[in-house]
Amino acid sequence: MPNTFVQVVDEQQSSLLKLRLERHLAELERVARSQNIDRIGPVNLTTDEQRWLETLRLSDPEVFTSPSARYRSGDLVRLVIECQRPDGSPVGDTVRLDFRLGEQDQVVTALEPGLSQAGPGAHWTVWALSSNAFGSQPQPKLGLPAHTPLKFSVVAE
């Protein structure tokens, strides 16, 4: 039987998949930040979750453009951040953020991995769930249900 791709839009199933994926991504993030390199957490994505994530990343891959030099602690960081839904529609306005590297609570969890590799001129995109940027609750002012997959595009100036 040839491989076939069928997309069915079922809000309830989509929400369940998003919740499961968020749990698994949180576990991966916890393990990645752990100092215990011998411990690998469970990554029990269902087949549907794997397809959902793979399709999202294949259709619009994450990118990272390296800077000539990385930021160091105390450096002034200037980021321009845009956020989009999977359909490409924007979420809120473009955000301009200035802070000194090393200051606490300056960027959302979704952007931390890219920032750790960034410097002036870096550009990166990352797919993350809205809970990694806006909290786990729905954001009615932004038109975001809880656990919505979002694409963040960041430029370090």
N, C-alpha and C. Protein backbone atom coordinates (compact mmCIF):
# COMPACT_ATOMS: atom_id res chain seq x y z
N MET A 1 0.85 -1.18 0.00
CA MET A 1 0.00 0.00 0.00
C MET A 1 0.90 1.24 0.00
N PRO A 2 0.66 2.18 -0.91
CA PRO A 2 1.48 3.40 -0.95
C PRO A 2 1.23 4.27 0.27
N ASN A 3 2.24 5.06 0.63
CA ASN A 3 2.07 6.00 1.74
C ASN A 3 1.09 7.09 1.34
N THR A 4 0.19 7.40 2.23
CA THR A 4 -0.81 8.42 1.98
C THR A 4 -0.85 9.35 3.16
N PHE A 5 -1.02 10.64 2.91
CA PHE A 5 -1.13 11.62 3.98
C PHE A 5 -2.53 12.20 3.94
N VAL A 6 -3.23 12.09 5.04
CA VAL A 6 -4.57 12.63 5.15
C VAL A 6 -4.60 13.55 6.36
N GLN A 7 -5.12 14.75 6.19
CA GLN A 7 -5.22 15.68 7.29
C GLN A 7 -6.68 15.82 7.68
N VAL A 8 -6.98 15.55 8.94
CA VAL A 8 -8.33 15.68 9.45
C VAL A 8 -8.30 16.73 10.55
N VAL A 9 -9.16 17.70 10.46
CA VAL A 9 -9.20 18.75 11.46
C VAL A 9 -10.28 18.41 12.48
N ASP A 10 -9.83 18.06 13.65
CA ASP A 10 -10.71 17.73 14.76
C ASP A 10 -10.17 18.49 15.96
N GLU A 11 -10.87 19.54 16.35
CA GLU A 11 -10.38 20.42 17.41
C GLU A 11 -10.07 19.66 18.70
N GLN A 12 -10.93 18.72 19.08
CA GLN A 12 -10.71 17.98 20.32
C GLN A 12 -9.45 17.12 20.22
N GLN A 13 -9.28 16.39 19.12
CA GLN A 13 -8.08 15.57 18.94
C GLN A 13 -6.84 16.45 18.84
N SER A 14 -6.96 17.56 18.14
CA SER A 14 -5.84 18.48 18.02
C SER A 14 -5.41 18.99 19.39
N SER A 15 -6.37 19.34 20.22
CA SER A 15 -6.05 19.82 21.58
C SER A 15 -5.37 18.74 22.40
N LEU A 16 -5.87 17.50 22.29
CA LEU A 16 -5.24 16.39 23.02
C LEU A 16 -3.81 16.17 22.56
N LEU A 17 -3.60 16.22 21.25
CA LEU A 17 -2.24 16.05 20.72
C LEU A 17 -1.32 17.16 21.22
N LYS A 18 -1.82 18.39 21.23
CA LYS A 18 -1.01 19.51 21.69
C LYS A 18 -0.64 19.36 23.16
N LEU A 19 -1.60 18.91 23.99
CA LEU A 19 -1.31 18.73 25.41
C LEU A 19 -0.25 17.65 25.62
N ARG A 20 -0.40 16.52 24.91
CA ARG A 20 0.59 15.44 25.05
C ARG A 20 1.96 15.91 24.58
N LEU A 21 2.00 16.61 23.47
CA LEU A 21 3.27 17.08 22.94
C LEU A 21 3.92 18.06 23.91
N GLU A 22 3.14 18.94 24.50
CA GLU A 22 3.70 19.89 25.46
C GLU A 22 4.33 19.15 26.65
N ARG A 23 3.68 18.11 27.14
CA ARG A 23 4.25 17.33 28.25
C ARG A 23 5.60 16.72 27.84
N HIS A 24 5.63 16.15 26.65
CA HIS A 24 6.86 15.52 26.19
C HIS A 24 7.97 16.55 25.95
N LEU A 25 7.62 17.69 25.38
CA LEU A 25 8.62 18.74 25.15
C LEU A 25 9.15 19.29 26.47
N ALA A 26 8.28 19.42 27.46
CA ALA A 26 8.71 19.90 28.78
C ALA A 26 9.70 18.91 29.39
N GLU A 27 9.43 17.60 29.24
CA GLU A 27 10.34 16.59 29.76
C GLU A 27 11.69 16.66 29.04
N LEU A 28 11.65 16.83 27.72
CA LEU A 28 12.90 16.96 26.96
C LEU A 28 13.69 18.18 27.41
N GLU A 29 12.99 19.29 27.62
CA GLU A 29 13.67 20.51 28.06
C GLU A 29 14.28 20.31 29.44
N ARG A 30 13.54 19.66 30.34
CA ARG A 30 14.05 19.42 31.69
C ARG A 30 15.31 18.57 31.63
N VAL A 31 15.28 17.53 30.80
CA VAL A 31 16.44 16.65 30.68
C VAL A 31 17.61 17.41 30.04
N ALA A 32 17.32 18.22 29.04
CA ALA A 32 18.38 18.97 28.36
C ALA A 32 19.08 19.93 29.31
N ARG A 33 18.35 20.48 30.26
CA ARG A 33 18.93 21.43 31.21
C ARG A 33 19.58 20.74 32.41
N SER A 34 19.34 19.45 32.54
CA SER A 34 19.85 18.70 33.67
C SER A 34 21.36 18.56 33.58
N GLN A 35 22.01 18.56 34.71
CA GLN A 35 23.45 18.32 34.76
C GLN A 35 23.74 16.83 34.76
N ASN A 36 22.72 16.01 34.92
CA ASN A 36 22.89 14.56 34.97
C ASN A 36 22.82 14.01 33.54
N ILE A 37 23.96 13.91 32.87
CA ILE A 37 23.96 13.53 31.46
C ILE A 37 23.66 12.05 31.25
N ASP A 38 23.67 11.26 32.32
CA ASP A 38 23.36 9.84 32.18
C ASP A 38 21.85 9.60 32.08
N ARG A 39 21.06 10.57 32.45
CA ARG A 39 19.61 10.41 32.51
C ARG A 39 18.97 10.90 31.22
N ILE A 40 18.25 10.04 30.55
CA ILE A 40 17.49 10.45 29.38
C ILE A 40 16.03 10.19 29.68
N GLY A 41 15.24 11.24 29.66
CA GLY A 41 13.83 11.13 30.00
C GLY A 41 13.03 10.42 28.93
N PRO A 42 11.83 10.00 29.26
CA PRO A 42 10.99 9.32 28.29
C PRO A 42 10.51 10.26 27.21
N VAL A 43 10.57 9.80 26.00
CA VAL A 43 10.07 10.58 24.87
C VAL A 43 9.07 9.68 24.17
N ASN A 44 7.92 9.54 24.76
CA ASN A 44 6.91 8.61 24.27
C ASN A 44 5.86 9.33 23.46
N LEU A 45 6.29 9.95 22.36
CA LEU A 45 5.33 10.61 21.49
C LEU A 45 4.52 9.55 20.78
N THR A 46 3.23 9.79 20.67
CA THR A 46 2.41 8.88 19.89
C THR A 46 2.75 9.07 18.41
N THR A 47 2.33 8.14 17.61
CA THR A 47 2.57 8.25 16.17
C THR A 47 1.95 9.52 15.62
N ASP A 48 0.74 9.85 16.07
CA ASP A 48 0.07 11.08 15.61
C ASP A 48 0.84 12.32 16.03
N GLU A 49 1.37 12.33 17.26
CA GLU A 49 2.15 13.47 17.73
C GLU A 49 3.45 13.61 16.93
N GLN A 50 4.09 12.49 16.65
CA GLN A 50 5.32 12.53 15.86
C GLN A 50 5.05 13.09 14.47
N ARG A 51 3.98 12.65 13.84
CA ARG A 51 3.62 13.15 12.51
C ARG A 51 3.29 14.64 12.55
N TRP A 52 2.55 15.05 13.59
CA TRP A 52 2.16 16.46 13.73
C TRP A 52 3.39 17.34 13.84
N LEU A 53 4.32 16.97 14.71
CA LEU A 53 5.52 17.76 14.91
C LEU A 53 6.42 17.72 13.68
N GLU A 54 6.59 16.54 13.10
CA GLU A 54 7.42 16.40 11.91
C GLU A 54 6.87 17.22 10.74
N THR A 55 5.57 17.17 10.54
CA THR A 55 4.94 17.93 9.46
C THR A 55 5.14 19.42 9.66
N LEU A 56 4.97 19.89 10.88
CA LEU A 56 5.14 21.31 11.19
C LEU A 56 6.57 21.74 10.90
N ARG A 57 7.53 20.98 11.37
CA ARG A 57 8.94 21.35 11.18
C ARG A 57 9.40 21.15 9.74
N LEU A 58 8.85 20.17 9.04
CA LEU A 58 9.21 19.97 7.64
C LEU A 58 8.63 21.06 6.75
N SER A 59 7.41 21.46 7.06
CA SER A 59 6.75 22.46 6.22
C SER A 59 7.38 23.84 6.41
N ASP A 60 7.97 24.09 7.56
CA ASP A 60 8.59 25.39 7.84
C ASP A 60 9.72 25.16 8.84
N PRO A 61 10.87 24.70 8.37
CA PRO A 61 11.96 24.31 9.28
C PRO A 61 12.48 25.46 10.14
N GLU A 62 12.98 25.08 11.32
CA GLU A 62 13.65 26.04 12.18
C GLU A 62 15.01 26.36 11.55
N VAL A 63 15.49 27.57 11.78
CA VAL A 63 16.80 27.97 11.24
C VAL A 63 17.60 28.69 12.33
N PHE A 64 18.90 28.73 12.14
CA PHE A 64 19.76 29.52 13.02
C PHE A 64 20.93 30.02 12.18
N THR A 65 21.08 31.33 12.13
CA THR A 65 22.21 31.96 11.45
C THR A 65 23.18 32.42 12.53
N SER A 66 24.36 31.85 12.51
CA SER A 66 25.35 32.14 13.56
C SER A 66 25.91 33.55 13.46
N PRO A 67 26.19 34.14 14.60
CA PRO A 67 26.84 35.46 14.63
C PRO A 67 28.35 35.30 14.46
N SER A 68 29.04 36.41 14.23
CA SER A 68 30.50 36.35 14.15
C SER A 68 31.09 36.16 15.55
N ALA A 69 30.38 36.63 16.57
CA ALA A 69 30.82 36.44 17.96
C ALA A 69 29.58 36.31 18.84
N ARG A 70 29.66 35.48 19.86
CA ARG A 70 28.54 35.29 20.79
C ARG A 70 28.51 36.39 21.84
N TYR A 71 27.30 36.60 22.38
CA TYR A 71 27.17 37.51 23.51
C TYR A 71 27.90 36.93 24.71
N ARG A 72 28.40 37.84 25.54
CA ARG A 72 29.00 37.44 26.81
C ARG A 72 28.21 38.10 27.94
N SER A 73 28.34 37.56 29.10
CA SER A 73 27.63 38.09 30.27
C SER A 73 27.88 39.59 30.40
N GLY A 74 26.79 40.33 30.57
CA GLY A 74 26.88 41.78 30.72
C GLY A 74 26.71 42.55 29.42
N ASP A 75 26.82 41.87 28.26
CA ASP A 75 26.65 42.53 26.97
C ASP A 75 25.21 43.02 26.81
N LEU A 76 25.05 44.14 26.11
CA LEU A 76 23.73 44.64 25.77
C LEU A 76 23.18 43.78 24.63
N VAL A 77 21.99 43.24 24.84
CA VAL A 77 21.32 42.40 23.85
C VAL A 77 20.12 43.18 23.33
N ARG A 78 19.99 43.23 22.01
CA ARG A 78 18.84 43.87 21.38
C ARG A 78 18.20 42.85 20.45
N LEU A 79 16.97 42.47 20.78
CA LEU A 79 16.26 41.47 19.98
C LEU A 79 15.02 42.08 19.34
N VAL A 80 14.74 41.65 18.13
CA VAL A 80 13.49 41.96 17.45
C VAL A 80 12.79 40.61 17.29
N ILE A 81 11.58 40.50 17.86
CA ILE A 81 10.90 39.21 17.93
C ILE A 81 9.53 39.31 17.26
N GLU A 82 9.29 38.38 16.35
CA GLU A 82 7.98 38.25 15.72
C GLU A 82 7.45 36.86 16.03
N CYS A 83 6.14 36.76 16.13
CA CYS A 83 5.51 35.49 16.48
C CYS A 83 4.37 35.22 15.49
N GLN A 84 4.28 33.97 15.03
CA GLN A 84 3.25 33.59 14.06
C GLN A 84 2.60 32.26 14.44
N ARG A 85 1.36 32.12 14.01
CA ARG A 85 0.66 30.85 14.10
C ARG A 85 1.16 29.95 12.95
N PRO A 86 0.85 28.65 12.99
CA PRO A 86 1.27 27.77 11.89
C PRO A 86 0.75 28.21 10.51
N ASP A 87 -0.36 28.93 10.47
CA ASP A 87 -0.88 29.40 9.17
C ASP A 87 -0.18 30.67 8.69
N GLY A 88 0.77 31.18 9.47
CA GLY A 88 1.53 32.37 9.09
C GLY A 88 0.96 33.68 9.60
N SER A 89 -0.22 33.64 10.19
CA SER A 89 -0.81 34.88 10.70
C SER A 89 -0.06 35.33 11.96
N PRO A 90 0.14 36.65 12.10
CA PRO A 90 0.92 37.16 13.23
C PRO A 90 0.17 37.04 14.56
N VAL A 91 0.95 36.94 15.62
CA VAL A 91 0.41 36.96 16.98
C VAL A 91 0.95 38.24 17.62
N GLY A 92 0.08 39.21 17.84
CA GLY A 92 0.52 40.47 18.44
C GLY A 92 1.42 41.26 17.51
N ASP A 93 2.10 42.23 18.09
CA ASP A 93 2.99 43.11 17.35
C ASP A 93 4.43 42.63 17.45
N THR A 94 5.28 43.15 16.59
CA THR A 94 6.71 42.90 16.69
C THR A 94 7.20 43.49 18.01
N VAL A 95 8.00 42.71 18.72
CA VAL A 95 8.51 43.13 20.03
C VAL A 95 10.00 43.47 19.88
N ARG A 96 10.39 44.61 20.44
CA ARG A 96 11.80 45.00 20.52
C ARG A 96 12.18 44.94 21.99
N LEU A 97 13.24 44.20 22.27
CA LEU A 97 13.61 43.92 23.64
C LEU A 97 15.09 44.22 23.83
N ASP A 98 15.42 45.06 24.82
CA ASP A 98 16.81 45.38 25.18
C ASP A 98 17.04 44.94 26.62
N PHE A 99 18.16 44.27 26.86
CA PHE A 99 18.53 43.87 28.21
C PHE A 99 20.00 43.49 28.23
N ARG A 100 20.56 43.32 29.40
CA ARG A 100 21.95 42.88 29.56
C ARG A 100 21.95 41.36 29.75
N LEU A 101 22.77 40.67 28.98
CA LEU A 101 22.85 39.22 29.10
C LEU A 101 23.25 38.84 30.52
N GLY A 102 22.50 37.94 31.09
CA GLY A 102 22.74 37.51 32.46
C GLY A 102 21.69 38.02 33.43
N GLU A 103 20.93 39.06 33.04
CA GLU A 103 19.83 39.53 33.89
C GLU A 103 18.75 38.47 33.92
N GLN A 104 18.15 38.29 35.06
CA GLN A 104 17.12 37.26 35.24
C GLN A 104 15.83 37.60 34.50
N ASP A 105 15.15 36.56 34.01
CA ASP A 105 13.79 36.65 33.46
C ASP A 105 13.65 37.69 32.35
N GLN A 106 14.58 37.69 31.41
CA GLN A 106 14.51 38.67 30.33
C GLN A 106 13.87 38.11 29.06
N VAL A 107 13.99 36.82 28.82
CA VAL A 107 13.38 36.22 27.64
C VAL A 107 12.54 35.02 28.05
N VAL A 108 11.57 34.71 27.22
CA VAL A 108 10.70 33.57 27.49
C VAL A 108 11.45 32.27 27.21
N THR A 109 10.99 31.20 27.82
CA THR A 109 11.63 29.89 27.70
C THR A 109 11.83 29.47 26.26
N ALA A 110 10.87 29.78 25.40
CA ALA A 110 10.95 29.37 24.00
C ALA A 110 12.20 29.92 23.30
N LEU A 111 12.71 31.07 23.74
CA LEU A 111 13.82 31.72 23.05
C LEU A 111 15.18 31.43 23.68
N GLU A 112 15.22 30.85 24.86
CA GLU A 112 16.48 30.65 25.58
C GLU A 112 17.51 29.82 24.82
N PRO A 113 17.13 28.69 24.18
CA PRO A 113 18.16 27.92 23.47
C PRO A 113 18.85 28.73 22.36
N GLY A 114 18.10 29.50 21.60
CA GLY A 114 18.70 30.32 20.55
C GLY A 114 19.57 31.42 21.13
N LEU A 115 19.10 32.05 22.20
CA LEU A 115 19.87 33.13 22.82
C LEU A 115 21.21 32.63 23.34
N SER A 116 21.24 31.39 23.81
CA SER A 116 22.50 30.86 24.34
C SER A 116 23.58 30.73 23.27
N GLN A 117 23.20 30.73 21.99
CA GLN A 117 24.14 30.63 20.88
C GLN A 117 24.29 31.94 20.11
N ALA A 118 23.54 32.96 20.51
CA ALA A 118 23.42 34.19 19.72
C ALA A 118 24.49 35.23 20.02
N GLY A 119 24.55 36.18 19.11
CA GLY A 119 25.37 37.37 19.22
C GLY A 119 24.82 38.35 18.20
N PRO A 120 25.39 39.54 18.12
CA PRO A 120 24.90 40.51 17.14
C PRO A 120 24.90 39.92 15.73
N GLY A 121 23.80 40.08 15.03
CA GLY A 121 23.66 39.56 13.68
C GLY A 121 23.03 38.18 13.59
N ALA A 122 22.87 37.52 14.71
CA ALA A 122 22.24 36.19 14.69
C ALA A 122 20.77 36.32 14.33
N HIS A 123 20.27 35.30 13.69
CA HIS A 123 18.84 35.21 13.39
C HIS A 123 18.44 33.76 13.61
N TRP A 124 17.32 33.56 14.31
CA TRP A 124 16.86 32.20 14.48
C TRP A 124 15.34 32.15 14.52
N THR A 125 14.84 30.98 14.14
CA THR A 125 13.42 30.71 14.27
C THR A 125 13.27 29.44 15.09
N VAL A 126 12.20 29.37 15.82
CA VAL A 126 11.96 28.19 16.64
C VAL A 126 10.45 27.98 16.76
N TRP A 127 10.05 26.71 16.69
CA TRP A 127 8.67 26.34 16.96
C TRP A 127 8.56 25.98 18.43
N ALA A 128 7.56 26.51 19.10
CA ALA A 128 7.34 26.20 20.52
C ALA A 128 5.85 26.33 20.80
N LEU A 129 5.43 25.75 21.89
CA LEU A 129 4.04 25.90 22.30
C LEU A 129 3.86 27.24 23.00
N SER A 130 2.67 27.79 22.88
CA SER A 130 2.40 29.10 23.47
C SER A 130 2.67 29.12 24.97
N SER A 131 2.56 27.97 25.63
CA SER A 131 2.83 27.91 27.07
C SER A 131 4.28 28.26 27.40
N ASN A 132 5.18 28.11 26.43
CA ASN A 132 6.59 28.47 26.65
C ASN A 132 6.86 29.95 26.46
N ALA A 133 5.81 30.70 26.18
CA ALA A 133 5.97 32.14 25.99
C ALA A 133 4.90 32.94 26.73
N PHE A 134 3.68 32.43 26.73
CA PHE A 134 2.56 33.21 27.27
C PHE A 134 1.87 32.53 28.46
N GLY A 135 2.40 31.43 28.93
CA GLY A 135 1.77 30.69 30.03
C GLY A 135 0.83 29.63 29.48
N SER A 136 0.39 28.75 30.37
CA SER A 136 -0.40 27.59 29.95
C SER A 136 -1.88 27.89 29.75
N GLN A 137 -2.32 29.08 30.08
CA GLN A 137 -3.73 29.43 29.93
C GLN A 137 -3.98 30.04 28.54
N PRO A 138 -5.23 29.97 28.07
CA PRO A 138 -5.56 30.65 26.80
C PRO A 138 -5.28 32.15 26.92
N GLN A 139 -4.97 32.78 25.79
CA GLN A 139 -4.71 34.22 25.74
C GLN A 139 -5.73 34.85 24.81
N PRO A 140 -6.94 35.16 25.33
CA PRO A 140 -8.02 35.67 24.47
C PRO A 140 -7.65 36.96 23.74
N LYS A 141 -6.89 37.85 24.37
CA LYS A 141 -6.53 39.11 23.71
C LYS A 141 -5.68 38.88 22.46
N LEU A 142 -4.95 37.77 22.45
CA LEU A 142 -4.13 37.43 21.29
C LEU A 142 -4.82 36.41 20.38
N GLY A 143 -5.98 35.93 20.82
CA GLY A 143 -6.69 34.92 20.05
C GLY A 143 -5.99 33.57 20.07
N LEU A 144 -5.34 33.24 21.20
CA LEU A 144 -4.60 32.00 21.31
C LEU A 144 -5.25 31.03 22.28
N PRO A 145 -5.67 29.87 21.80
CA PRO A 145 -6.06 28.82 22.74
C PRO A 145 -4.82 28.36 23.50
N ALA A 146 -5.01 27.69 24.61
CA ALA A 146 -3.88 27.14 25.36
C ALA A 146 -3.13 26.14 24.48
N HIS A 147 -1.81 26.08 24.64
CA HIS A 147 -0.96 25.08 23.99
C HIS A 147 -0.94 25.18 22.47
N THR A 148 -1.02 26.38 21.96
CA THR A 148 -0.98 26.59 20.50
C THR A 148 0.46 26.55 20.03
N PRO A 149 0.76 25.81 18.95
CA PRO A 149 2.11 25.86 18.41
C PRO A 149 2.35 27.21 17.74
N LEU A 150 3.51 27.80 18.01
CA LEU A 150 3.84 29.11 17.47
C LEU A 150 5.25 29.10 16.92
N LYS A 151 5.47 29.94 15.91
CA LYS A 151 6.80 30.10 15.36
C LYS A 151 7.32 31.48 15.78
N PHE A 152 8.48 31.49 16.41
CA PHE A 152 9.13 32.72 16.82
C PHE A 152 10.29 32.99 15.87
N SER A 153 10.36 34.20 15.34
CA SER A 153 11.48 34.64 14.52
C SER A 153 12.19 35.74 15.28
N VAL A 154 13.49 35.55 15.49
CA VAL A 154 14.25 36.47 16.32
C VAL A 154 15.47 36.97 15.56
N VAL A 155 15.70 38.28 15.62
CA VAL A 155 16.91 38.88 15.06
C VAL A 155 17.63 39.60 16.18
N ALA A 156 18.90 39.29 16.34
CA ALA A 156 19.74 40.00 17.32
C ALA A 156 20.43 41.14 16.60
N GLU A 157 20.16 42.35 17.02
CA GLU A 157 20.73 43.53 16.34
C GLU A 157 22.07 43.90 16.94
